[in-house]
Amino acid sequence: MGNTSGANGHNNGTRPSDEKLSALLHDYACRNLSLSERLQYLEEKEGYKIGKSTLKKLNAKFKVPTVNKPPPLPVAATLVTKHVFQDIAAQNGPSTIVQNIWQEDGVFIPRDTVRSIMRDVFPHGAEMRFPGKKIPRVRGRLRVGDGVFQEVHCDGHEKLNSKALRMGPVSIDIYGMHCHSAGKLLHYVVVPNARCSSTVGHIYLDFVEKYGMTCEKLTVDGGSETGEMYACHQALHDKYLPNVQTPSFVALKSTDNIVIEGSWNHWLRYKGKTLREAIEVGRNEGYFQPSNEMHVLLFNWIWPKVVQSALDEFVAYWNNHKTRNQHAANIPTGAAPNVIFDFPHNYGLSNCGVAVPTSDIAALRETILRTREECFQWVPVDFDTTAYNTYVQLNSPKLDHTTGWQVFVDMIDSLT
């Protein structure tokens, strides 16, 4: 009879195809998972149980990159230089640059090497980031949490709205949802107006649809924009969590909603400040004329895409980075938020979420005053079609904060 534990190579479950297995192993590497964490993902998520020796052989077979085999120094210097130049505000230190290179280029460079290159070539960056340059921030009490989806913090971010940019009517808001116990950024999205109650209601339902479940408790800043979110969450709470005694919805002062307020600080350092400076180039260099309707429409077609792409990069970076160990903390530390969220039982947590069928989500959407399409529409449908066709005619150039205004200028020439 075979050994059902799989320790001797028998009954190891179903081995994924080479194509799928290669993709999985490369993804685990780019997420900086330990070997033990990779084995757990393979076993619990893919039904394939193997040992470390087999995993190492598979990593070698599929040429999975490792920090122990870095690229030649000239290649490393080129990659580090590229990513530092993209960080216009010079907010990212070596650890963040290391992870950005993993995520975007699939190349592993030791942190010491990255730090040395940055010190030699960009000494001003370290000088700007040293602790004495930082503005003191509000300190929170130690967080206490019993499980993922027990409490989710929600907040809007308006550092790119019309008042901040001073570029006429154009405005790009962000709304985020952050898991308290796991530290995972659950759902971060750009929207035309984060103060619209219907928009926030649809964001909440998108979050429920994304995970197939809702949480026990929402914590928000006090404001009228959370009214329809509250109604939707309370309806699901009453139906699926009637015996939970803790409040389902709590409104705090913005400065007290520290969990998600802290994430905005990290976002600003990661790419938020750089994005704002990049967007303001259009005003400072005269590329963008706020009184020109075509300019406003094209801005709204290009720049929300750029910001959402950068936001997705930040979410991936944050959810896969390992937090520092904090021995006095009441929630897990020293592990990536994604790992804590996916395997809460490893850290003494439970999953407090409750499943919600799509039929309930659809029914709740019908109760929201404005449709989702209205709330998330940046430009009229006819302009969206025209702009997309123009973009394709230009061979679909890369869109990011370093190319956004060049694409804008090229498209304006074709549209006018």
Protein backbone atom coordinates (compact mmCIF):
# COMPACT_ATOMS: atom_id res chain seq x y z
CA MET A 1 0.00 0.00 0.00
CA GLY A 2 1.34 3.44 -0.91
CA ASN A 3 2.29 5.97 1.72
CA THR A 4 -0.66 8.37 1.72
CA SER A 5 1.42 11.10 3.35
CA GLY A 6 3.29 11.52 0.09
CA ALA A 7 6.64 11.36 1.90
CA ASN A 8 8.00 8.60 -0.32
CA GLY A 9 6.74 10.03 -3.61
CA HIS A 10 3.43 8.13 -3.75
CA ASN A 11 -0.06 9.60 -3.73
CA ASN A 12 1.14 13.15 -4.14
CA GLY A 13 -2.12 14.31 -5.66
CA THR A 14 -2.51 15.55 -9.22
CA ARG A 15 0.56 17.09 -10.80
CA PRO A 16 -0.30 20.23 -12.80
CA SER A 17 0.81 20.36 -16.42
CA ASP A 18 4.34 21.59 -17.06
CA GLU A 19 2.98 24.85 -18.46
CA LYS A 20 0.81 25.54 -15.41
CA LEU A 21 3.45 24.34 -12.94
CA SER A 22 6.10 26.57 -14.50
CA ALA A 23 3.78 29.58 -14.29
CA LEU A 24 2.95 28.82 -10.66
CA LEU A 25 6.58 28.43 -9.61
CA HIS A 26 7.61 31.66 -11.34
CA ASP A 27 4.69 33.45 -9.68
CA TYR A 28 5.70 32.14 -6.24
CA ALA A 29 9.25 33.35 -6.84
CA CYS A 30 8.10 36.82 -7.87
CA ARG A 31 5.97 36.95 -4.71
CA ASN A 32 9.09 36.18 -2.66
CA LEU A 33 7.48 33.18 -0.94
CA SER A 34 9.65 30.90 1.16
CA LEU A 35 10.02 27.26 0.09
CA SER A 36 7.64 26.18 2.86
CA GLU A 37 5.04 28.70 1.71
CA ARG A 38 5.38 27.54 -1.90
CA LEU A 39 4.84 23.94 -0.82
CA GLN A 40 1.72 24.93 1.11
CA TYR A 41 0.27 26.80 -1.87
CA LEU A 42 0.92 23.80 -4.11
CA GLU A 43 -0.72 21.41 -1.65
CA GLU A 44 -3.72 23.44 -0.48
CA LYS A 45 -4.50 25.44 -3.62
CA GLU A 46 -3.39 23.03 -6.37
CA GLY A 47 -3.74 19.61 -4.70
CA TYR A 48 -0.11 18.68 -5.38
CA LYS A 49 1.97 17.53 -2.39
CA ILE A 50 5.75 17.33 -2.73
CA GLY A 51 8.83 17.91 -0.60
CA LYS A 52 11.54 20.56 -0.67
CA SER A 53 13.96 18.40 -2.67
CA THR A 54 11.42 17.90 -5.45
CA LEU A 55 10.53 21.59 -5.37
CA LYS A 56 14.17 22.57 -5.81
CA LYS A 57 14.49 20.19 -8.77
CA LEU A 58 11.37 21.68 -10.36
CA ASN A 59 12.70 25.20 -9.80
CA ALA A 60 15.89 24.22 -11.62
CA LYS A 61 13.97 22.47 -14.41
CA PHE A 62 11.74 25.47 -15.09
CA LYS A 63 14.57 28.00 -14.58
CA VAL A 64 12.84 29.77 -11.73
CA PRO A 65 14.95 32.83 -10.82
CA THR A 66 16.59 33.10 -7.42
CA VAL A 67 18.48 35.82 -5.60
CA ASN A 68 21.39 33.38 -5.24
CA LYS A 69 21.99 33.63 -9.00
CA PRO A 70 21.85 37.37 -9.72
CA PRO A 71 22.51 38.89 -13.16
CA PRO A 72 25.89 40.44 -14.05
CA LEU A 73 26.53 43.79 -12.38
CA PRO A 74 26.06 45.86 -15.60
CA VAL A 75 22.62 44.28 -16.09
CA ALA A 76 21.73 44.86 -12.44
CA ALA A 77 22.87 48.48 -12.65
CA THR A 78 20.74 49.05 -15.77
CA LEU A 79 17.62 47.66 -14.08
CA VAL A 80 18.17 49.58 -10.86
CA THR A 81 18.78 52.79 -12.79
CA LYS A 82 15.58 52.32 -14.80
CA HIS A 83 13.43 51.88 -11.72
CA VAL A 84 15.03 54.73 -9.80
CA PHE A 85 14.52 57.10 -12.74
CA GLN A 86 10.83 56.12 -12.80
CA ASP A 87 10.56 57.14 -9.14
CA ILE A 88 10.46 60.87 -9.86
CA ALA A 89 9.80 61.84 -6.24
CA ALA A 90 12.73 59.67 -5.01
CA GLN A 91 10.57 58.08 -2.30
CA ASN A 92 11.50 54.40 -2.76
CA GLY A 93 14.40 52.80 -0.90
CA PRO A 94 16.40 49.69 -1.87
CA SER A 95 13.85 47.17 -0.53
CA THR A 96 11.05 48.62 -2.65
CA ILE A 97 13.26 48.84 -5.74
CA VAL A 98 14.25 45.17 -5.24
CA GLN A 99 10.61 44.11 -5.17
CA ASN A 100 9.65 46.31 -8.13
CA ILE A 101 12.36 44.62 -10.21
CA TRP A 102 11.03 41.19 -9.15
CA GLN A 103 7.48 42.08 -10.10
CA GLU A 104 8.06 43.94 -13.36
CA ASP A 105 11.19 42.29 -14.78
CA GLY A 106 11.28 38.89 -13.07
CA VAL A 107 14.94 39.45 -12.11
CA PHE A 108 16.30 38.87 -8.62
CA ILE A 109 19.05 41.20 -7.39
CA PRO A 110 20.36 41.12 -3.79
CA ARG A 111 19.31 44.10 -1.71
CA ASP A 112 22.92 44.93 -0.84
CA THR A 113 23.74 45.20 -4.55
CA VAL A 114 20.76 47.47 -5.18
CA ARG A 115 21.65 49.63 -2.19
CA SER A 116 25.25 49.96 -3.36
CA ILE A 117 24.19 51.01 -6.87
CA MET A 118 21.70 53.54 -5.50
CA ARG A 119 24.28 54.98 -3.11
CA ASP A 120 26.83 55.40 -5.90
CA VAL A 121 24.56 56.76 -8.61
CA PHE A 122 21.69 58.45 -6.70
CA PRO A 123 23.05 59.65 -3.34
CA HIS A 124 20.45 62.43 -3.18
CA GLY A 125 17.66 59.87 -2.82
CA ALA A 126 18.98 58.51 0.47
CA GLU A 127 19.48 62.05 1.75
CA MET A 128 15.84 62.88 0.97
CA ARG A 129 14.55 59.77 2.74
CA PHE A 130 16.61 59.84 5.93
CA PRO A 131 14.45 59.80 9.10
CA GLY A 132 14.97 63.47 9.95
CA LYS A 133 13.25 64.43 6.68
CA LYS A 134 10.04 62.57 7.53
CA ILE A 135 7.01 64.35 8.89
CA PRO A 136 5.90 62.83 12.22
CA ARG A 137 2.76 60.76 11.74
CA VAL A 138 -0.07 59.86 14.05
CA ARG A 139 0.78 56.73 16.00
CA GLY A 140 -1.90 54.13 16.49
CA ARG A 141 -2.49 51.67 19.27
CA LEU A 142 -1.59 48.03 18.74
CA ARG A 143 -4.16 46.40 16.49
CA VAL A 144 -6.10 43.38 17.71
CA GLY A 145 -7.73 40.97 15.30
CA ASP A 146 -9.20 37.47 15.42
CA GLY A 147 -9.47 36.70 11.74
CA VAL A 148 -9.46 37.80 8.13
CA PHE A 149 -12.69 39.44 6.97
CA GLN A 150 -13.51 40.23 10.58
CA GLU A 151 -12.97 43.95 10.02
CA VAL A 152 -12.35 45.83 6.77
CA HIS A 153 -11.29 49.48 6.76
CA CYS A 154 -12.54 51.75 3.95
CA ASP A 155 -11.51 55.22 2.85
CA GLY A 156 -11.23 57.55 -0.12
CA HIS A 157 -8.00 59.24 -1.23
CA GLU A 158 -8.19 62.63 -2.91
CA LYS A 159 -4.57 63.71 -3.45
CA LEU A 160 -5.20 63.74 -7.22
CA ASN A 161 -8.55 65.51 -7.21
CA SER A 162 -9.24 68.84 -8.92
CA LYS A 163 -8.32 70.92 -5.85
CA ALA A 164 -4.97 69.17 -5.49
CA LEU A 165 -4.00 69.21 -9.19
CA ARG A 166 -5.32 72.71 -9.99
CA MET A 167 -5.80 71.68 -13.62
CA GLY A 168 -9.39 72.73 -14.14
CA PRO A 169 -12.14 70.11 -13.94
CA VAL A 170 -9.97 66.98 -14.15
CA SER A 171 -9.92 64.85 -11.02
CA ILE A 172 -8.86 61.29 -10.17
CA ASP A 173 -10.06 59.84 -6.87
CA ILE A 174 -9.11 56.52 -5.29
CA TYR A 175 -11.13 54.32 -2.93
CA GLY A 176 -9.59 51.51 -0.90
CA MET A 177 -10.58 48.58 1.33
CA HIS A 178 -8.00 47.10 3.73
CA CYS A 179 -8.20 43.88 5.81
CA HIS A 180 -7.46 44.65 9.46
CA SER A 181 -6.01 41.33 10.65
CA ALA A 182 -4.08 40.24 7.55
CA GLY A 183 -2.95 43.70 6.46
CA LYS A 184 -3.98 42.83 2.89
CA LEU A 185 -5.10 45.55 0.50
CA LEU A 186 -8.35 43.98 -0.65
CA HIS A 187 -9.77 46.34 -3.26
CA TYR A 188 -8.24 49.63 -4.45
CA VAL A 189 -9.78 51.36 -7.44
CA VAL A 190 -9.74 54.74 -9.22
CA VAL A 191 -13.10 56.47 -9.58
CA PRO A 192 -14.32 59.82 -10.92
CA ASN A 193 -15.80 60.79 -7.53
CA ALA A 194 -15.03 59.03 -4.24
CA ARG A 195 -17.56 61.26 -2.45
CA CYS A 196 -20.49 59.87 -4.44
CA SER A 197 -22.63 57.57 -2.29
CA SER A 198 -23.70 55.42 -5.26
CA THR A 199 -20.09 54.99 -6.38
CA VAL A 200 -19.02 53.82 -2.92
CA GLY A 201 -22.00 51.46 -2.78
CA HIS A 202 -20.96 49.83 -6.06
CA ILE A 203 -17.33 49.61 -4.88
CA TYR A 204 -18.53 47.65 -1.84
CA LEU A 205 -20.57 45.27 -4.00
CA ASP A 206 -17.59 44.85 -6.38
CA PHE A 207 -15.55 43.86 -3.32
CA VAL A 208 -18.16 41.31 -2.23
CA GLU A 209 -18.36 39.94 -5.78
CA LYS A 210 -14.55 39.74 -6.07
CA TYR A 211 -14.17 37.56 -2.97
CA GLY A 212 -17.57 35.86 -3.01
CA MET A 213 -18.13 36.88 0.60
CA THR A 214 -18.63 39.79 2.93
CA CYS A 215 -16.99 40.72 6.21
CA GLU A 216 -18.36 41.04 9.74
CA LYS A 217 -17.59 44.73 10.14
CA LEU A 218 -16.84 47.79 8.01
CA THR A 219 -14.92 50.71 9.52
CA VAL A 220 -15.16 53.98 7.59
CA ASP A 221 -14.59 57.71 7.95
CA GLY A 222 -17.71 59.64 8.85
CA GLY A 223 -19.29 61.05 5.69
CA SER A 224 -22.45 60.99 3.60
CA GLU A 225 -20.71 59.01 0.82
CA THR A 226 -20.97 55.76 2.84
CA GLY A 227 -24.77 55.76 3.07
CA GLU A 228 -25.50 53.27 0.29
CA MET A 229 -22.52 51.13 1.29
CA TYR A 230 -24.00 50.96 4.79
CA ALA A 231 -27.42 49.94 3.48
CA CYS A 232 -25.96 47.13 1.34
CA HIS A 233 -23.65 45.84 4.07
CA GLN A 234 -26.34 45.95 6.74
CA ALA A 235 -28.72 44.00 4.50
CA LEU A 236 -26.14 41.24 4.02
CA HIS A 237 -25.17 41.31 7.70
CA ASP A 238 -28.79 40.92 8.82
CA LYS A 239 -29.31 38.00 6.44
CA TYR A 240 -26.07 36.05 6.86
CA LEU A 241 -24.63 37.16 10.22
CA PRO A 242 -27.69 37.66 12.44
CA ASN A 243 -25.99 36.22 15.54
CA VAL A 244 -22.86 38.38 15.43
CA GLN A 245 -23.13 40.86 18.29
CA THR A 246 -20.37 43.30 17.32
CA PRO A 247 -21.40 46.42 15.35
CA SER A 248 -21.52 45.80 11.60
CA PHE A 249 -20.62 49.37 10.66
CA VAL A 250 -18.47 51.90 12.51
CA ALA A 251 -17.71 55.49 11.45
CA LEU A 252 -14.57 57.16 12.83
CA LYS A 253 -12.76 60.43 12.39
CA SER A 254 -10.35 60.19 9.48
CA THR A 255 -7.34 60.47 11.79
CA ASP A 256 -8.61 57.53 13.87
CA ASN A 257 -9.07 55.17 10.90
CA ILE A 258 -5.34 54.54 11.13
CA VAL A 259 -5.11 51.15 9.41
CA ILE A 260 -6.12 52.45 6.00
CA GLU A 261 -4.74 55.95 6.54
CA GLY A 262 -1.34 54.29 6.93
CA SER A 263 -1.75 52.55 3.58
CA TRP A 264 -2.18 55.93 1.86
CA ASN A 265 1.17 57.04 3.32
CA HIS A 266 2.80 53.96 1.83
CA TRP A 267 1.05 54.60 -1.51
CA LEU A 268 2.35 58.16 -1.63
CA ARG A 269 5.90 56.99 -1.00
CA TYR A 270 5.60 54.11 -3.46
CA LYS A 271 4.28 56.04 -6.45
CA GLY A 272 1.60 58.52 -5.38
CA LYS A 273 3.90 61.55 -5.18
CA THR A 274 5.66 60.54 -8.39
CA LEU A 275 2.31 60.29 -10.21
CA ARG A 276 1.22 63.72 -9.04
CA GLU A 277 4.46 65.29 -10.23
CA ALA A 278 4.16 63.46 -13.56
CA ILE A 279 0.56 64.65 -14.06
CA GLU A 280 1.46 68.24 -13.19
CA VAL A 281 4.06 68.22 -15.98
CA GLY A 282 1.13 68.59 -18.39
CA ARG A 283 0.13 71.86 -16.75
CA ASN A 284 3.66 73.17 -16.22
CA GLU A 285 4.85 72.40 -19.77
CA GLY A 286 1.67 73.54 -21.50
CA TYR A 287 0.63 70.14 -22.88
CA PHE A 288 -2.77 70.38 -21.20
CA GLN A 289 -5.27 73.24 -21.57
CA PRO A 290 -8.11 72.92 -19.02
CA SER A 291 -10.40 75.15 -21.10
CA ASN A 292 -10.14 72.79 -24.09
CA GLU A 293 -12.90 70.17 -23.90
CA MET A 294 -10.94 67.71 -26.06
CA HIS A 295 -7.97 67.98 -23.69
CA VAL A 296 -10.20 67.26 -20.69
CA LEU A 297 -11.78 64.23 -22.37
CA LEU A 298 -8.43 62.80 -23.43
CA PHE A 299 -6.94 63.39 -19.97
CA ASN A 300 -9.85 61.43 -18.50
CA TRP A 301 -9.27 58.66 -21.04
CA ILE A 302 -5.50 58.32 -20.41
CA TRP A 303 -4.57 59.22 -16.86
CA PRO A 304 -7.09 57.16 -14.84
CA LYS A 305 -5.69 54.10 -16.66
CA VAL A 306 -2.14 55.14 -15.71
CA VAL A 307 -3.10 55.67 -12.06
CA GLN A 308 -5.02 52.37 -11.86
CA SER A 309 -2.05 50.50 -13.34
CA ALA A 310 0.27 52.08 -10.75
CA LEU A 311 -2.25 51.32 -8.02
CA ASP A 312 -2.37 47.66 -9.08
CA GLU A 313 1.44 47.55 -8.90
CA PHE A 314 1.34 49.01 -5.39
CA VAL A 315 -1.29 46.51 -4.23
CA ALA A 316 0.79 43.61 -5.60
CA TYR A 317 3.92 45.02 -3.97
CA TRP A 318 2.28 45.53 -0.59
CA ASN A 319 0.42 42.23 -0.46
CA ASN A 320 3.56 40.25 -1.30
CA HIS A 321 6.09 42.11 0.85
CA LYS A 322 7.06 40.61 4.20
CA THR A 323 6.33 42.88 7.12
CA ARG A 324 8.94 43.36 9.81
CA ASN A 325 8.63 41.31 12.99
CA GLN A 326 6.87 43.16 15.81
CA HIS A 327 6.94 41.01 18.93
CA ALA A 328 4.50 43.23 20.81
CA ALA A 329 1.90 43.16 18.02
CA ASN A 330 -1.43 41.41 18.48
CA ILE A 331 -1.72 40.45 14.82
CA PRO A 332 0.64 38.39 12.63
CA THR A 333 3.89 40.00 11.53
CA GLY A 334 6.97 38.84 9.65
CA ALA A 335 4.93 37.40 6.76
CA ALA A 336 3.38 38.71 3.56
CA PRO A 337 -0.25 39.88 3.86
CA ASN A 338 -1.26 37.53 1.01
CA VAL A 339 0.11 34.52 2.89
CA ILE A 340 -1.63 35.50 6.14
CA PHE A 341 -4.88 36.06 4.24
CA ASP A 342 -4.69 32.77 2.32
CA PHE A 343 -3.63 30.63 5.31
CA PRO A 344 -5.01 32.38 8.43
CA HIS A 345 -4.98 29.14 10.46
CA ASN A 346 -1.16 29.18 10.27
CA TYR A 347 -1.20 32.37 12.34
CA GLY A 348 -3.90 31.56 14.87
CA LEU A 349 -6.60 33.36 12.89
CA SER A 350 -9.89 32.26 11.38
CA ASN A 351 -11.76 33.32 8.26
CA CYS A 352 -14.71 35.36 9.50
CA GLY A 353 -16.16 35.97 6.04
CA VAL A 354 -19.53 34.61 4.99
CA ALA A 355 -20.38 33.55 1.44
CA VAL A 356 -22.78 35.74 -0.55
CA PRO A 357 -24.50 34.48 -3.74
CA THR A 358 -24.29 36.61 -6.87
CA SER A 359 -28.08 36.88 -6.95
CA ASP A 360 -28.03 38.90 -3.72
CA ILE A 361 -25.32 41.18 -5.10
CA ALA A 362 -27.35 41.81 -8.25
CA ALA A 363 -30.47 42.54 -6.21
CA LEU A 364 -28.62 45.06 -4.04
CA ARG A 365 -27.23 46.83 -7.10
CA GLU A 366 -30.80 47.52 -8.15
CA THR A 367 -31.33 49.49 -4.93
CA ILE A 368 -28.47 51.93 -5.63
CA LEU A 369 -29.62 55.25 -7.09
CA ARG A 370 -27.12 55.39 -9.97
CA THR A 371 -25.96 52.47 -12.11
CA ARG A 372 -22.43 51.16 -11.90
CA GLU A 373 -21.79 52.25 -15.49
CA GLU A 374 -22.73 55.84 -14.63
CA CYS A 375 -20.55 55.88 -11.52
CA PHE A 376 -17.44 54.51 -13.23
CA GLN A 377 -17.74 56.34 -16.56
CA TRP A 378 -14.82 58.66 -17.26
CA VAL A 379 -15.77 59.73 -20.81
CA PRO A 380 -18.82 59.38 -23.08
CA VAL A 381 -19.10 56.06 -24.92
CA ASP A 382 -18.62 57.59 -28.37
CA PHE A 383 -15.42 59.37 -27.30
CA ASP A 384 -14.15 56.18 -25.66
CA THR A 385 -14.54 54.35 -28.98
CA THR A 386 -12.88 57.12 -30.98
CA ALA A 387 -9.98 57.44 -28.53
CA TYR A 388 -9.42 53.68 -28.44
CA ASN A 389 -9.30 53.46 -32.24
CA THR A 390 -6.81 56.34 -32.33
CA TYR A 391 -4.67 54.65 -29.67
CA VAL A 392 -4.62 51.41 -31.69
CA GLN A 393 -3.65 53.32 -34.85
CA LEU A 394 -0.62 54.58 -32.91
CA ASN A 395 0.32 50.91 -32.28
CA SER A 396 -0.99 50.93 -28.70
CA PRO A 397 2.05 52.55 -27.05
CA LYS A 398 2.90 51.74 -23.45
CA LEU A 399 0.91 53.81 -20.96
CA ASP A 400 2.58 54.76 -17.69
CA HIS A 401 3.58 57.93 -15.87
CA THR A 402 6.72 58.32 -17.99
CA THR A 403 4.89 58.06 -21.34
CA GLY A 404 1.44 59.46 -20.53
CA TRP A 405 1.97 62.98 -21.85
CA GLN A 406 3.76 61.82 -24.99
CA VAL A 407 0.80 59.56 -25.77
CA PHE A 408 -1.52 62.48 -24.96
CA VAL A 409 0.27 64.79 -27.42
CA ASP A 410 0.33 62.13 -30.15
CA MET A 411 -3.37 61.37 -29.72
CA ILE A 412 -4.42 65.03 -29.61
CA ASP A 413 -2.71 65.55 -32.97
CA SER A 414 -4.79 62.71 -34.43
CA LEU A 415 -8.06 63.66 -32.75
CA THR A 416 -8.07 67.35 -33.69
